[in-house]
Amino acid sequence: MHALRSPASLDWHGLGRRRFLRLLTTIGATAVAGSLVTACGNATSGPLRLLVLSPSQATTLAALAQAVVPSQPGFPNVAQAQVVQRLDEELWLSDSSIQDDLRAALGALEWMPLAYGHFTRFSRLATFEQQALIQRWMESRFDLVRAIATNLKLVAHFMYFGHPSTWGAIGYDGPFQKLQPILSEQRKAYAQRIAGGAQ
């Protein structure tokens, strides 16, 4: 097993995508030297039954989303807008390569603060620190860092503002025809599994 090098000693230019994600995962594992699985807790308003995301990935996603969505009165929080559950559903309906990339990006984002002068993971930081890091990463000279921060923020916004609980706050009165959506068989199957139906 190779010794873990200091982030400051690495050649960050040209660091391959997969190597970068593996590095961040290794840094995180070394930092805690214990259980990495964290219950969603308050970040997601109670435990969720998820089919793709792990509890620790759900915690990271919830923390990221809460840092980037509006916090003004009248806007729902991340749990009320079901950001984590809705992304888990979309991933369950997606190709395994998309699932792997999203999970890897969440894992990298959770541990990237260690390479930026913070001695804890992303979900443990104060909201203002999370917001500052996200902005810094979105302006990074490293393509992969920019891609992780920008795309995860975009995904969080997409899930949040696509939920009906946010529409009143942004002045959107819903689809023109006001018809209830018809769920596909795949979405019905997801709902059944989440409810504890057949696996």
N, C-alpha and C. Protein backbone atom coordinates (compact mmCIF):
# COMPACT_ATOMS: atom_id res chain seq x y z
N MET A 1 0.85 -1.20 0.00
CA MET A 1 0.00 0.00 0.00
C MET A 1 0.88 1.24 0.00
N HIS A 2 0.63 2.17 -0.90
CA HIS A 2 1.44 3.37 -1.02
C HIS A 2 1.07 4.36 0.08
N ALA A 3 2.10 5.06 0.58
CA ALA A 3 1.84 6.08 1.59
C ALA A 3 1.08 7.24 0.96
N LEU A 4 0.17 7.82 1.72
CA LEU A 4 -0.62 8.93 1.23
C LEU A 4 0.22 10.19 1.25
N ARG A 5 0.33 10.87 0.12
CA ARG A 5 1.10 12.09 0.03
C ARG A 5 0.26 13.28 0.45
N SER A 6 0.93 14.31 0.94
CA SER A 6 0.24 15.54 1.32
C SER A 6 -0.41 16.17 0.10
N PRO A 7 -1.62 16.71 0.23
CA PRO A 7 -2.26 17.38 -0.92
C PRO A 7 -1.39 18.49 -1.49
N ALA A 8 -0.63 19.19 -0.64
CA ALA A 8 0.20 20.28 -1.12
C ALA A 8 1.35 19.80 -1.99
N SER A 9 1.75 18.51 -1.83
CA SER A 9 2.89 17.99 -2.58
C SER A 9 2.49 17.39 -3.92
N LEU A 10 1.21 17.30 -4.18
CA LEU A 10 0.74 16.67 -5.40
C LEU A 10 0.81 17.61 -6.59
N ASP A 11 0.97 17.04 -7.76
CA ASP A 11 0.89 17.81 -9.00
C ASP A 11 -0.57 17.82 -9.41
N TRP A 12 -1.28 18.90 -9.06
CA TRP A 12 -2.71 18.96 -9.32
C TRP A 12 -3.03 19.23 -10.78
N HIS A 13 -2.04 19.72 -11.56
CA HIS A 13 -2.25 19.93 -12.98
C HIS A 13 -2.26 18.59 -13.69
N GLY A 14 -3.26 18.38 -14.49
CA GLY A 14 -3.31 17.13 -15.25
C GLY A 14 -3.67 15.91 -14.42
N LEU A 15 -4.14 16.13 -13.20
CA LEU A 15 -4.54 15.01 -12.35
C LEU A 15 -5.82 14.41 -12.94
N GLY A 16 -5.75 13.15 -13.34
CA GLY A 16 -6.88 12.52 -14.00
C GLY A 16 -8.13 12.48 -13.14
N ARG A 17 -9.27 12.44 -13.81
CA ARG A 17 -10.55 12.47 -13.12
C ARG A 17 -10.69 11.35 -12.12
N ARG A 18 -10.47 10.11 -12.56
CA ARG A 18 -10.63 8.97 -11.65
C ARG A 18 -9.59 9.01 -10.53
N ARG A 19 -8.36 9.40 -10.86
CA ARG A 19 -7.31 9.45 -9.84
C ARG A 19 -7.65 10.49 -8.79
N PHE A 20 -8.20 11.63 -9.24
CA PHE A 20 -8.57 12.69 -8.30
C PHE A 20 -9.66 12.20 -7.34
N LEU A 21 -10.69 11.55 -7.87
CA LEU A 21 -11.78 11.07 -7.03
C LEU A 21 -11.28 10.00 -6.05
N ARG A 22 -10.39 9.12 -6.52
CA ARG A 22 -9.81 8.11 -5.63
C ARG A 22 -8.99 8.77 -4.53
N LEU A 23 -8.24 9.81 -4.90
CA LEU A 23 -7.41 10.52 -3.93
C LEU A 23 -8.26 11.12 -2.82
N LEU A 24 -9.34 11.81 -3.20
CA LEU A 24 -10.19 12.44 -2.19
C LEU A 24 -10.84 11.41 -1.27
N THR A 25 -11.21 10.28 -1.85
CA THR A 25 -11.80 9.22 -1.03
C THR A 25 -10.78 8.68 -0.04
N THR A 26 -9.54 8.52 -0.50
CA THR A 26 -8.47 8.02 0.36
C THR A 26 -8.17 9.01 1.48
N ILE A 27 -8.12 10.30 1.13
CA ILE A 27 -7.89 11.33 2.14
C ILE A 27 -8.96 11.27 3.22
N GLY A 28 -10.22 11.12 2.78
CA GLY A 28 -11.31 11.06 3.74
C GLY A 28 -11.22 9.85 4.65
N ALA A 29 -10.90 8.70 4.06
CA ALA A 29 -10.80 7.47 4.85
C ALA A 29 -9.67 7.57 5.86
N THR A 30 -8.57 8.18 5.46
CA THR A 30 -7.44 8.34 6.36
C THR A 30 -7.76 9.31 7.48
N ALA A 31 -8.54 10.34 7.17
CA ALA A 31 -8.83 11.38 8.14
C ALA A 31 -9.66 10.87 9.32
N VAL A 32 -10.60 10.00 9.06
CA VAL A 32 -11.47 9.56 10.14
C VAL A 32 -11.05 8.25 10.77
N ALA A 33 -10.44 7.36 9.98
CA ALA A 33 -9.97 6.06 10.46
C ALA A 33 -11.03 5.33 11.28
N GLY A 34 -12.25 5.47 10.86
CA GLY A 34 -13.35 4.83 11.56
C GLY A 34 -14.53 4.71 10.63
N SER A 35 -15.70 4.65 11.19
CA SER A 35 -16.90 4.52 10.38
C SER A 35 -17.14 5.77 9.57
N LEU A 36 -17.40 5.61 8.28
CA LEU A 36 -17.65 6.75 7.41
C LEU A 36 -19.15 6.95 7.18
N VAL A 37 -19.95 6.04 7.63
CA VAL A 37 -21.39 6.14 7.38
C VAL A 37 -22.02 7.01 8.46
N THR A 38 -22.67 8.08 8.04
CA THR A 38 -23.31 9.02 8.95
C THR A 38 -24.80 9.07 8.64
N ALA A 39 -25.64 8.96 9.67
CA ALA A 39 -27.08 9.04 9.43
C ALA A 39 -27.44 10.41 8.91
N CYS A 40 -28.51 10.49 8.14
CA CYS A 40 -28.90 11.76 7.54
C CYS A 40 -29.26 12.79 8.60
N GLY A 41 -29.89 12.36 9.69
CA GLY A 41 -30.20 13.27 10.78
C GLY A 41 -31.04 14.46 10.37
N ASN A 42 -30.74 15.61 10.96
CA ASN A 42 -31.53 16.82 10.73
C ASN A 42 -31.42 17.33 9.31
N ALA A 43 -30.30 17.02 8.63
CA ALA A 43 -30.10 17.57 7.29
C ALA A 43 -31.17 17.13 6.33
N THR A 44 -31.75 15.95 6.55
CA THR A 44 -32.78 15.47 5.65
C THR A 44 -34.10 15.22 6.37
N SER A 45 -34.22 15.78 7.59
CA SER A 45 -35.46 15.70 8.35
C SER A 45 -35.90 14.26 8.58
N GLY A 46 -35.00 13.48 9.19
CA GLY A 46 -35.31 12.11 9.52
C GLY A 46 -34.73 11.14 8.51
N PRO A 47 -34.68 9.87 8.89
CA PRO A 47 -34.09 8.87 8.01
C PRO A 47 -34.93 8.65 6.75
N LEU A 48 -34.24 8.46 5.65
CA LEU A 48 -34.91 8.21 4.38
C LEU A 48 -34.58 6.80 3.91
N ARG A 49 -35.52 6.22 3.21
CA ARG A 49 -35.25 4.94 2.55
C ARG A 49 -34.78 5.28 1.14
N LEU A 50 -33.52 4.97 0.85
CA LEU A 50 -32.91 5.30 -0.43
C LEU A 50 -32.45 4.03 -1.13
N LEU A 51 -32.48 4.05 -2.44
CA LEU A 51 -32.11 2.88 -3.23
C LEU A 51 -30.75 3.01 -3.89
N VAL A 52 -30.25 4.22 -4.06
CA VAL A 52 -28.97 4.42 -4.73
C VAL A 52 -27.96 5.11 -3.83
N LEU A 53 -28.34 6.20 -3.21
CA LEU A 53 -27.43 6.95 -2.36
C LEU A 53 -27.29 6.32 -0.98
N SER A 54 -26.08 6.34 -0.46
CA SER A 54 -25.84 5.87 0.90
C SER A 54 -26.23 6.97 1.88
N PRO A 55 -26.37 6.65 3.16
CA PRO A 55 -26.68 7.70 4.14
C PRO A 55 -25.66 8.83 4.15
N SER A 56 -24.37 8.50 4.02
CA SER A 56 -23.35 9.55 4.02
C SER A 56 -23.44 10.41 2.77
N GLN A 57 -23.73 9.81 1.63
CA GLN A 57 -23.91 10.59 0.39
C GLN A 57 -25.15 11.48 0.48
N ALA A 58 -26.19 10.97 1.10
CA ALA A 58 -27.41 11.76 1.28
C ALA A 58 -27.13 12.96 2.19
N THR A 59 -26.31 12.76 3.21
CA THR A 59 -25.95 13.85 4.12
C THR A 59 -25.18 14.93 3.37
N THR A 60 -24.23 14.51 2.53
CA THR A 60 -23.45 15.48 1.75
C THR A 60 -24.35 16.25 0.80
N LEU A 61 -25.23 15.54 0.09
CA LEU A 61 -26.14 16.20 -0.85
C LEU A 61 -27.05 17.18 -0.13
N ALA A 62 -27.61 16.79 1.01
CA ALA A 62 -28.50 17.67 1.75
C ALA A 62 -27.77 18.93 2.21
N ALA A 63 -26.52 18.77 2.69
CA ALA A 63 -25.73 19.92 3.14
C ALA A 63 -25.43 20.85 1.97
N LEU A 64 -25.04 20.28 0.84
CA LEU A 64 -24.76 21.09 -0.35
C LEU A 64 -26.00 21.85 -0.79
N ALA A 65 -27.11 21.13 -0.89
CA ALA A 65 -28.35 21.75 -1.35
C ALA A 65 -28.78 22.88 -0.42
N GLN A 66 -28.71 22.64 0.89
CA GLN A 66 -29.14 23.66 1.84
C GLN A 66 -28.27 24.91 1.74
N ALA A 67 -27.01 24.72 1.32
CA ALA A 67 -26.10 25.86 1.19
C ALA A 67 -26.35 26.69 -0.07
N VAL A 68 -26.98 26.09 -1.08
CA VAL A 68 -27.12 26.79 -2.37
C VAL A 68 -28.55 27.19 -2.72
N VAL A 69 -29.54 26.70 -1.99
CA VAL A 69 -30.92 27.08 -2.30
C VAL A 69 -31.32 28.28 -1.44
N PRO A 70 -32.37 28.99 -1.82
CA PRO A 70 -32.78 30.18 -1.05
C PRO A 70 -33.15 29.83 0.39
N SER A 71 -32.81 30.75 1.28
CA SER A 71 -33.13 30.56 2.70
C SER A 71 -34.11 31.61 3.21
N GLN A 72 -34.64 32.44 2.30
CA GLN A 72 -35.56 33.49 2.70
C GLN A 72 -36.89 32.89 3.16
N PRO A 73 -37.63 33.63 3.99
CA PRO A 73 -38.96 33.17 4.41
C PRO A 73 -39.84 32.89 3.20
N GLY A 74 -40.61 31.83 3.29
CA GLY A 74 -41.50 31.45 2.21
C GLY A 74 -40.96 30.34 1.34
N PHE A 75 -39.64 30.11 1.41
CA PHE A 75 -39.04 29.02 0.65
C PHE A 75 -38.95 27.77 1.53
N PRO A 76 -39.28 26.61 0.98
CA PRO A 76 -39.16 25.39 1.76
C PRO A 76 -37.69 25.03 1.96
N ASN A 77 -37.42 24.21 2.97
CA ASN A 77 -36.05 23.73 3.13
C ASN A 77 -35.83 22.50 2.24
N VAL A 78 -34.64 21.98 2.28
CA VAL A 78 -34.27 20.87 1.40
C VAL A 78 -35.11 19.62 1.68
N ALA A 79 -35.39 19.37 2.95
CA ALA A 79 -36.20 18.20 3.29
C ALA A 79 -37.62 18.34 2.77
N GLN A 80 -38.19 19.53 2.92
CA GLN A 80 -39.56 19.76 2.45
C GLN A 80 -39.65 19.63 0.93
N ALA A 81 -38.61 20.03 0.23
CA ALA A 81 -38.59 19.92 -1.23
C ALA A 81 -38.12 18.55 -1.70
N GLN A 82 -37.84 17.66 -0.77
CA GLN A 82 -37.48 16.26 -1.06
C GLN A 82 -36.32 16.14 -2.06
N VAL A 83 -35.32 17.00 -1.90
CA VAL A 83 -34.20 17.03 -2.84
C VAL A 83 -33.47 15.69 -2.88
N VAL A 84 -33.16 15.15 -1.71
CA VAL A 84 -32.39 13.90 -1.65
C VAL A 84 -33.20 12.75 -2.24
N GLN A 85 -34.46 12.62 -1.81
CA GLN A 85 -35.30 11.53 -2.29
C GLN A 85 -35.51 11.61 -3.80
N ARG A 86 -35.72 12.81 -4.32
CA ARG A 86 -35.98 12.97 -5.74
C ARG A 86 -34.73 12.65 -6.58
N LEU A 87 -33.56 13.04 -6.11
CA LEU A 87 -32.35 12.71 -6.85
C LEU A 87 -32.09 11.20 -6.79
N ASP A 88 -32.35 10.59 -5.65
CA ASP A 88 -32.19 9.15 -5.54
C ASP A 88 -33.08 8.43 -6.54
N GLU A 89 -34.31 8.93 -6.70
CA GLU A 89 -35.22 8.33 -7.68
C GLU A 89 -34.68 8.49 -9.09
N GLU A 90 -34.21 9.68 -9.43
CA GLU A 90 -33.67 9.91 -10.77
C GLU A 90 -32.46 9.01 -11.03
N LEU A 91 -31.62 8.85 -10.03
CA LEU A 91 -30.45 7.99 -10.20
C LEU A 91 -30.86 6.53 -10.37
N TRP A 92 -31.89 6.11 -9.64
CA TRP A 92 -32.35 4.73 -9.75
C TRP A 92 -32.85 4.43 -11.16
N LEU A 93 -33.34 5.46 -11.83
CA LEU A 93 -33.83 5.32 -13.20
C LEU A 93 -32.73 5.53 -14.24
N SER A 94 -31.51 5.83 -13.78
CA SER A 94 -30.41 6.17 -14.68
C SER A 94 -29.45 5.00 -14.87
N ASP A 95 -28.58 5.16 -15.84
CA ASP A 95 -27.53 4.18 -16.11
C ASP A 95 -26.57 4.09 -14.92
N SER A 96 -25.99 2.91 -14.72
CA SER A 96 -25.09 2.70 -13.58
C SER A 96 -23.87 3.61 -13.64
N SER A 97 -23.41 3.98 -14.84
CA SER A 97 -22.24 4.87 -14.95
C SER A 97 -22.57 6.26 -14.42
N ILE A 98 -23.81 6.72 -14.63
CA ILE A 98 -24.23 8.01 -14.10
C ILE A 98 -24.32 7.93 -12.58
N GLN A 99 -24.85 6.84 -12.07
CA GLN A 99 -24.92 6.64 -10.63
C GLN A 99 -23.52 6.69 -10.02
N ASP A 100 -22.57 5.97 -10.64
CA ASP A 100 -21.21 5.92 -10.12
C ASP A 100 -20.55 7.29 -10.12
N ASP A 101 -20.74 8.04 -11.20
CA ASP A 101 -20.14 9.37 -11.29
C ASP A 101 -20.72 10.31 -10.25
N LEU A 102 -22.02 10.27 -10.05
CA LEU A 102 -22.65 11.16 -9.07
C LEU A 102 -22.20 10.81 -7.66
N ARG A 103 -22.15 9.51 -7.36
CA ARG A 103 -21.69 9.11 -6.03
C ARG A 103 -20.24 9.49 -5.80
N ALA A 104 -19.40 9.33 -6.84
CA ALA A 104 -17.99 9.70 -6.73
C ALA A 104 -17.85 11.20 -6.52
N ALA A 105 -18.65 12.00 -7.22
CA ALA A 105 -18.60 13.46 -7.08
C ALA A 105 -19.00 13.88 -5.66
N LEU A 106 -20.03 13.26 -5.12
CA LEU A 106 -20.44 13.57 -3.75
C LEU A 106 -19.36 13.18 -2.75
N GLY A 107 -18.73 12.02 -2.97
CA GLY A 107 -17.64 11.60 -2.09
C GLY A 107 -16.47 12.56 -2.15
N ALA A 108 -16.13 13.02 -3.35
CA ALA A 108 -15.03 13.96 -3.49
C ALA A 108 -15.36 15.28 -2.81
N LEU A 109 -16.56 15.80 -3.06
CA LEU A 109 -16.94 17.08 -2.48
C LEU A 109 -16.93 17.02 -0.95
N GLU A 110 -17.32 15.90 -0.40
CA GLU A 110 -17.37 15.78 1.07
C GLU A 110 -15.98 15.96 1.69
N TRP A 111 -14.94 15.48 0.98
CA TRP A 111 -13.60 15.52 1.56
C TRP A 111 -12.70 16.60 0.99
N MET A 112 -13.13 17.32 -0.03
CA MET A 112 -12.29 18.37 -0.62
C MET A 112 -11.89 19.47 0.36
N PRO A 113 -12.69 19.79 1.37
CA PRO A 113 -12.24 20.83 2.31
C PRO A 113 -10.89 20.55 2.95
N LEU A 114 -10.53 19.28 3.08
CA LEU A 114 -9.23 18.94 3.67
C LEU A 114 -8.07 19.47 2.84
N ALA A 115 -8.28 19.60 1.54
CA ALA A 115 -7.24 20.12 0.66
C ALA A 115 -7.27 21.63 0.57
N TYR A 116 -8.22 22.26 1.28
CA TYR A 116 -8.39 23.71 1.21
C TYR A 116 -8.34 24.36 2.60
N GLY A 117 -7.59 23.74 3.50
CA GLY A 117 -7.34 24.35 4.79
C GLY A 117 -8.35 24.09 5.88
N HIS A 118 -9.30 23.20 5.65
CA HIS A 118 -10.29 22.87 6.68
C HIS A 118 -9.99 21.48 7.21
N PHE A 119 -10.19 21.29 8.49
CA PHE A 119 -9.87 20.02 9.12
C PHE A 119 -11.12 19.21 9.44
N THR A 120 -12.10 19.33 8.59
CA THR A 120 -13.32 18.54 8.71
C THR A 120 -13.93 18.40 7.34
N ARG A 121 -14.95 17.55 7.23
CA ARG A 121 -15.55 17.34 5.93
C ARG A 121 -16.65 18.37 5.66
N PHE A 122 -17.09 18.40 4.40
CA PHE A 122 -18.00 19.44 3.94
C PHE A 122 -19.27 19.52 4.76
N SER A 123 -19.90 18.39 5.03
CA SER A 123 -21.19 18.40 5.71
C SER A 123 -21.10 18.86 7.16
N ARG A 124 -19.89 18.93 7.71
CA ARG A 124 -19.71 19.39 9.10
C ARG A 124 -19.40 20.88 9.20
N LEU A 125 -19.18 21.54 8.06
CA LEU A 125 -18.85 22.96 8.07
C LEU A 125 -20.08 23.82 8.30
N ALA A 126 -19.86 25.04 8.76
CA ALA A 126 -20.95 26.01 8.87
C ALA A 126 -21.42 26.38 7.46
N THR A 127 -22.66 26.79 7.35
CA THR A 127 -23.23 27.09 6.03
C THR A 127 -22.42 28.15 5.29
N PHE A 128 -21.97 29.19 5.98
CA PHE A 128 -21.22 30.26 5.29
C PHE A 128 -19.88 29.73 4.78
N GLU A 129 -19.29 28.76 5.48
CA GLU A 129 -18.05 28.15 5.01
C GLU A 129 -18.32 27.28 3.79
N GLN A 130 -19.41 26.54 3.81
CA GLN A 130 -19.79 25.73 2.66
C GLN A 130 -20.01 26.60 1.43
N GLN A 131 -20.71 27.70 1.61
CA GLN A 131 -21.00 28.59 0.49
C GLN A 131 -19.72 29.19 -0.08
N ALA A 132 -18.79 29.57 0.79
CA ALA A 132 -17.52 30.14 0.33
C ALA A 132 -16.70 29.12 -0.45
N LEU A 133 -16.69 27.87 0.04
CA LEU A 133 -15.95 26.82 -0.66
C LEU A 133 -16.57 26.50 -2.01
N ILE A 134 -17.88 26.41 -2.05
CA ILE A 134 -18.54 26.12 -3.32
C ILE A 134 -18.19 27.18 -4.36
N GLN A 135 -18.25 28.44 -3.95
CA GLN A 135 -17.89 29.52 -4.87
C GLN A 135 -16.44 29.42 -5.31
N ARG A 136 -15.57 29.11 -4.37
CA ARG A 136 -14.14 28.97 -4.69
C ARG A 136 -13.92 27.82 -5.66
N TRP A 137 -14.59 26.71 -5.42
CA TRP A 137 -14.43 25.55 -6.30
C TRP A 137 -14.99 25.83 -7.69
N MET A 138 -16.07 26.57 -7.77
CA MET A 138 -16.65 26.89 -9.07
C MET A 138 -15.74 27.80 -9.90
N GLU A 139 -14.82 28.47 -9.24
CA GLU A 139 -13.86 29.35 -9.91
C GLU A 139 -12.46 28.74 -9.97
N SER A 140 -12.34 27.47 -9.61
CA SER A 140 -11.04 26.82 -9.56
C SER A 140 -10.39 26.72 -10.94
N ARG A 141 -9.08 26.69 -10.95
CA ARG A 141 -8.35 26.52 -12.21
C ARG A 141 -8.36 25.06 -12.66
N PHE A 142 -8.77 24.18 -11.77
CA PHE A 142 -8.81 22.75 -12.08
C PHE A 142 -10.18 22.38 -12.64
N ASP A 143 -10.19 21.84 -13.83
CA ASP A 143 -11.44 21.52 -14.51
C ASP A 143 -12.33 20.60 -13.68
N LEU A 144 -11.74 19.57 -13.09
CA LEU A 144 -12.54 18.59 -12.37
C LEU A 144 -13.18 19.20 -11.12
N VAL A 145 -12.43 20.03 -10.41
CA VAL A 145 -12.99 20.69 -9.23
C VAL A 145 -14.16 21.57 -9.64
N ARG A 146 -13.98 22.35 -10.70
CA ARG A 146 -15.08 23.19 -11.20
C ARG A 146 -16.28 22.35 -11.60
N ALA A 147 -16.02 21.23 -12.27
CA ALA A 147 -17.11 20.37 -12.73
C ALA A 147 -17.89 19.78 -11.56
N ILE A 148 -17.19 19.33 -10.53
CA ILE A 148 -17.85 18.74 -9.37
C ILE A 148 -18.76 19.78 -8.70
N ALA A 149 -18.21 20.95 -8.39
CA ALA A 149 -18.99 21.97 -7.68
C ALA A 149 -20.13 22.51 -8.53
N THR A 150 -19.85 22.83 -9.79
CA THR A 150 -20.87 23.42 -10.65
C THR A 150 -22.00 22.45 -10.94
N ASN A 151 -21.66 21.22 -11.26
CA ASN A 151 -22.70 20.25 -11.62
C ASN A 151 -23.53 19.80 -10.42
N LEU A 152 -22.89 19.64 -9.26
CA LEU A 152 -23.67 19.26 -8.08
C LEU A 152 -24.60 20.40 -7.66
N LYS A 153 -24.14 21.64 -7.78
CA LYS A 153 -25.01 22.78 -7.49
C LYS A 153 -26.18 22.81 -8.46
N LEU A 154 -25.90 22.57 -9.74
CA LEU A 154 -26.96 22.56 -10.75
C LEU A 154 -27.99 21.47 -10.47
N VAL A 155 -27.51 20.29 -10.11
CA VAL A 155 -28.41 19.18 -9.79
C VAL A 155 -29.28 19.53 -8.59
N ALA A 156 -28.67 20.11 -7.55
CA ALA A 156 -29.44 20.50 -6.36
C ALA A 156 -30.52 21.51 -6.71
N HIS A 157 -30.17 22.51 -7.53
CA HIS A 157 -31.16 23.50 -7.95
C HIS A 157 -32.28 22.86 -8.77
N PHE A 158 -31.91 21.97 -9.65
CA PHE A 158 -32.90 21.33 -10.52
C PHE A 158 -33.91 20.54 -9.69
N MET A 159 -33.42 19.76 -8.72
CA MET A 159 -34.31 18.98 -7.87
C MET A 159 -35.16 19.90 -6.99
N TYR A 160 -34.55 20.95 -6.46
CA TYR A 160 -35.26 21.84 -5.53
C TYR A 160 -36.37 22.61 -6.24
N PHE A 161 -36.03 23.29 -7.33
CA PHE A 161 -37.02 24.14 -7.98
C PHE A 161 -38.02 23.34 -8.82
N GLY A 162 -37.75 22.06 -9.03
CA GLY A 162 -38.71 21.22 -9.72
C GLY A 162 -39.80 20.71 -8.80
N HIS A 163 -39.66 20.93 -7.50
CA HIS A 163 -40.64 20.44 -6.54
C HIS A 163 -41.77 21.47 -6.35
N PRO A 164 -43.01 21.03 -6.34
CA PRO A 164 -44.14 21.97 -6.22
C PRO A 164 -44.10 22.86 -4.99
N SER A 165 -43.43 22.43 -3.93
CA SER A 165 -43.39 23.25 -2.71
C SER A 165 -42.64 24.56 -2.91
N THR A 166 -41.83 24.66 -3.97
CA THR A 166 -41.06 25.89 -4.22
C THR A 166 -41.78 26.85 -5.16
N TRP A 167 -42.80 26.39 -5.84
CA TRP A 167 -43.38 27.16 -6.93
C TRP A 167 -44.03 28.46 -6.47
N GLY A 168 -44.75 28.41 -5.36
CA GLY A 168 -45.40 29.63 -4.87
C GLY A 168 -44.38 30.73 -4.56
N ALA A 169 -43.23 30.33 -3.99
CA ALA A 169 -42.22 31.30 -3.59
C ALA A 169 -41.57 31.99 -4.80
N ILE A 170 -41.55 31.32 -5.93
CA ILE A 170 -40.93 31.91 -7.13
C ILE A 170 -41.96 32.45 -8.12
N GLY A 171 -43.25 32.41 -7.72
CA GLY A 171 -44.29 32.97 -8.55
C GLY A 171 -44.71 32.10 -9.72
N TYR A 172 -44.47 30.80 -9.61
CA TYR A 172 -44.86 29.88 -10.67
C TYR A 172 -46.12 29.15 -10.22
N ASP A 173 -47.17 29.17 -11.05
CA ASP A 173 -48.43 28.57 -10.63
C ASP A 173 -48.64 27.16 -11.15
N GLY A 174 -47.57 26.53 -11.63
CA GLY A 174 -47.65 25.13 -12.03
C GLY A 174 -47.96 24.97 -13.51
N PRO A 175 -48.01 23.72 -13.95
CA PRO A 175 -48.29 23.45 -15.36
C PRO A 175 -49.61 24.06 -15.81
N PHE A 176 -49.67 24.47 -17.04
CA PHE A 176 -50.83 25.18 -17.58
C PHE A 176 -52.11 24.35 -17.47
N GLN A 177 -52.03 23.06 -17.77
CA GLN A 177 -53.23 22.23 -17.79
C GLN A 177 -53.66 21.76 -16.41
N LYS A 178 -52.82 21.94 -15.41
CA LYS A 178 -53.16 21.58 -14.03
C LYS A 178 -53.53 20.10 -13.87
N LEU A 179 -52.94 19.26 -14.69
CA LEU A 179 -53.21 17.82 -14.60
C LEU A 179 -52.17 17.14 -13.72
N GLN A 180 -52.61 16.14 -12.99
CA GLN A 180 -51.69 15.36 -12.19
C GLN A 180 -50.77 14.56 -13.11
N PRO A 181 -49.47 14.50 -12.79
CA PRO A 181 -48.56 13.73 -13.64
C PRO A 181 -48.90 12.24 -13.61
N ILE A 182 -48.70 11.58 -14.74
CA ILE A 182 -48.90 10.14 -14.82
C ILE A 182 -47.56 9.46 -14.62
N LEU A 183 -47.44 8.67 -13.57
CA LEU A 183 -46.18 8.02 -13.26
C LEU A 183 -45.90 6.88 -14.22
N SER A 184 -44.64 6.78 -14.64
CA SER A 184 -44.22 5.65 -15.46
C SER A 184 -44.17 4.40 -14.59
N GLU A 185 -44.09 3.24 -15.21
CA GLU A 185 -44.00 1.99 -14.45
C GLU A 185 -42.74 1.97 -13.60
N GLN A 186 -41.64 2.57 -14.13
CA GLN A 186 -40.39 2.60 -13.37
C GLN A 186 -40.54 3.44 -12.11
N ARG A 187 -41.23 4.59 -12.22
CA ARG A 187 -41.41 5.44 -11.05
C ARG A 187 -42.37 4.80 -10.04
N LYS A 188 -43.34 4.08 -10.54
CA LYS A 188 -44.23 3.34 -9.63
C LYS A 188 -43.43 2.26 -8.89
N ALA A 189 -42.52 1.61 -9.60
CA ALA A 189 -41.70 0.56 -8.97
C ALA A 189 -40.80 1.16 -7.90
N TYR A 190 -40.24 2.34 -8.19
CA TYR A 190 -39.40 3.01 -7.18
C TYR A 190 -40.23 3.32 -5.94
N ALA A 191 -41.41 3.89 -6.14
CA ALA A 191 -42.27 4.25 -5.02
C ALA A 191 -42.64 3.04 -4.18
N GLN A 192 -42.89 1.91 -4.83
CA GLN A 192 -43.22 0.69 -4.12
C GLN A 192 -42.05 0.20 -3.29
N ARG A 193 -40.85 0.27 -3.85
CA ARG A 193 -39.67 -0.17 -3.10
C ARG A 193 -39.39 0.74 -1.91
N ILE A 194 -39.55 2.05 -2.13
CA ILE A 194 -39.35 2.99 -1.03
C ILE A 194 -40.36 2.74 0.09
N ALA A 195 -41.58 2.37 -0.31
CA ALA A 195 -42.63 2.11 0.69
C ALA A 195 -42.46 0.76 1.36
N GLY A 196 -41.45 0.00 0.93
CA GLY A 196 -41.21 -1.29 1.56
C GLY A 196 -41.86 -2.45 0.85
N GLY A 197 -42.18 -2.24 -0.44
CA GLY A 197 -42.80 -3.30 -1.23
C GLY A 197 -41.78 -4.30 -1.70
N ALA A 198 -42.10 -4.98 -2.77
CA ALA A 198 -41.24 -6.03 -3.30
C ALA A 198 -39.93 -5.44 -3.74
N GLN A 199 -38.84 -6.16 -3.45
CA GLN A 199 -37.49 -5.73 -3.81
C GLN A 199 -37.12 -6.21 -5.19
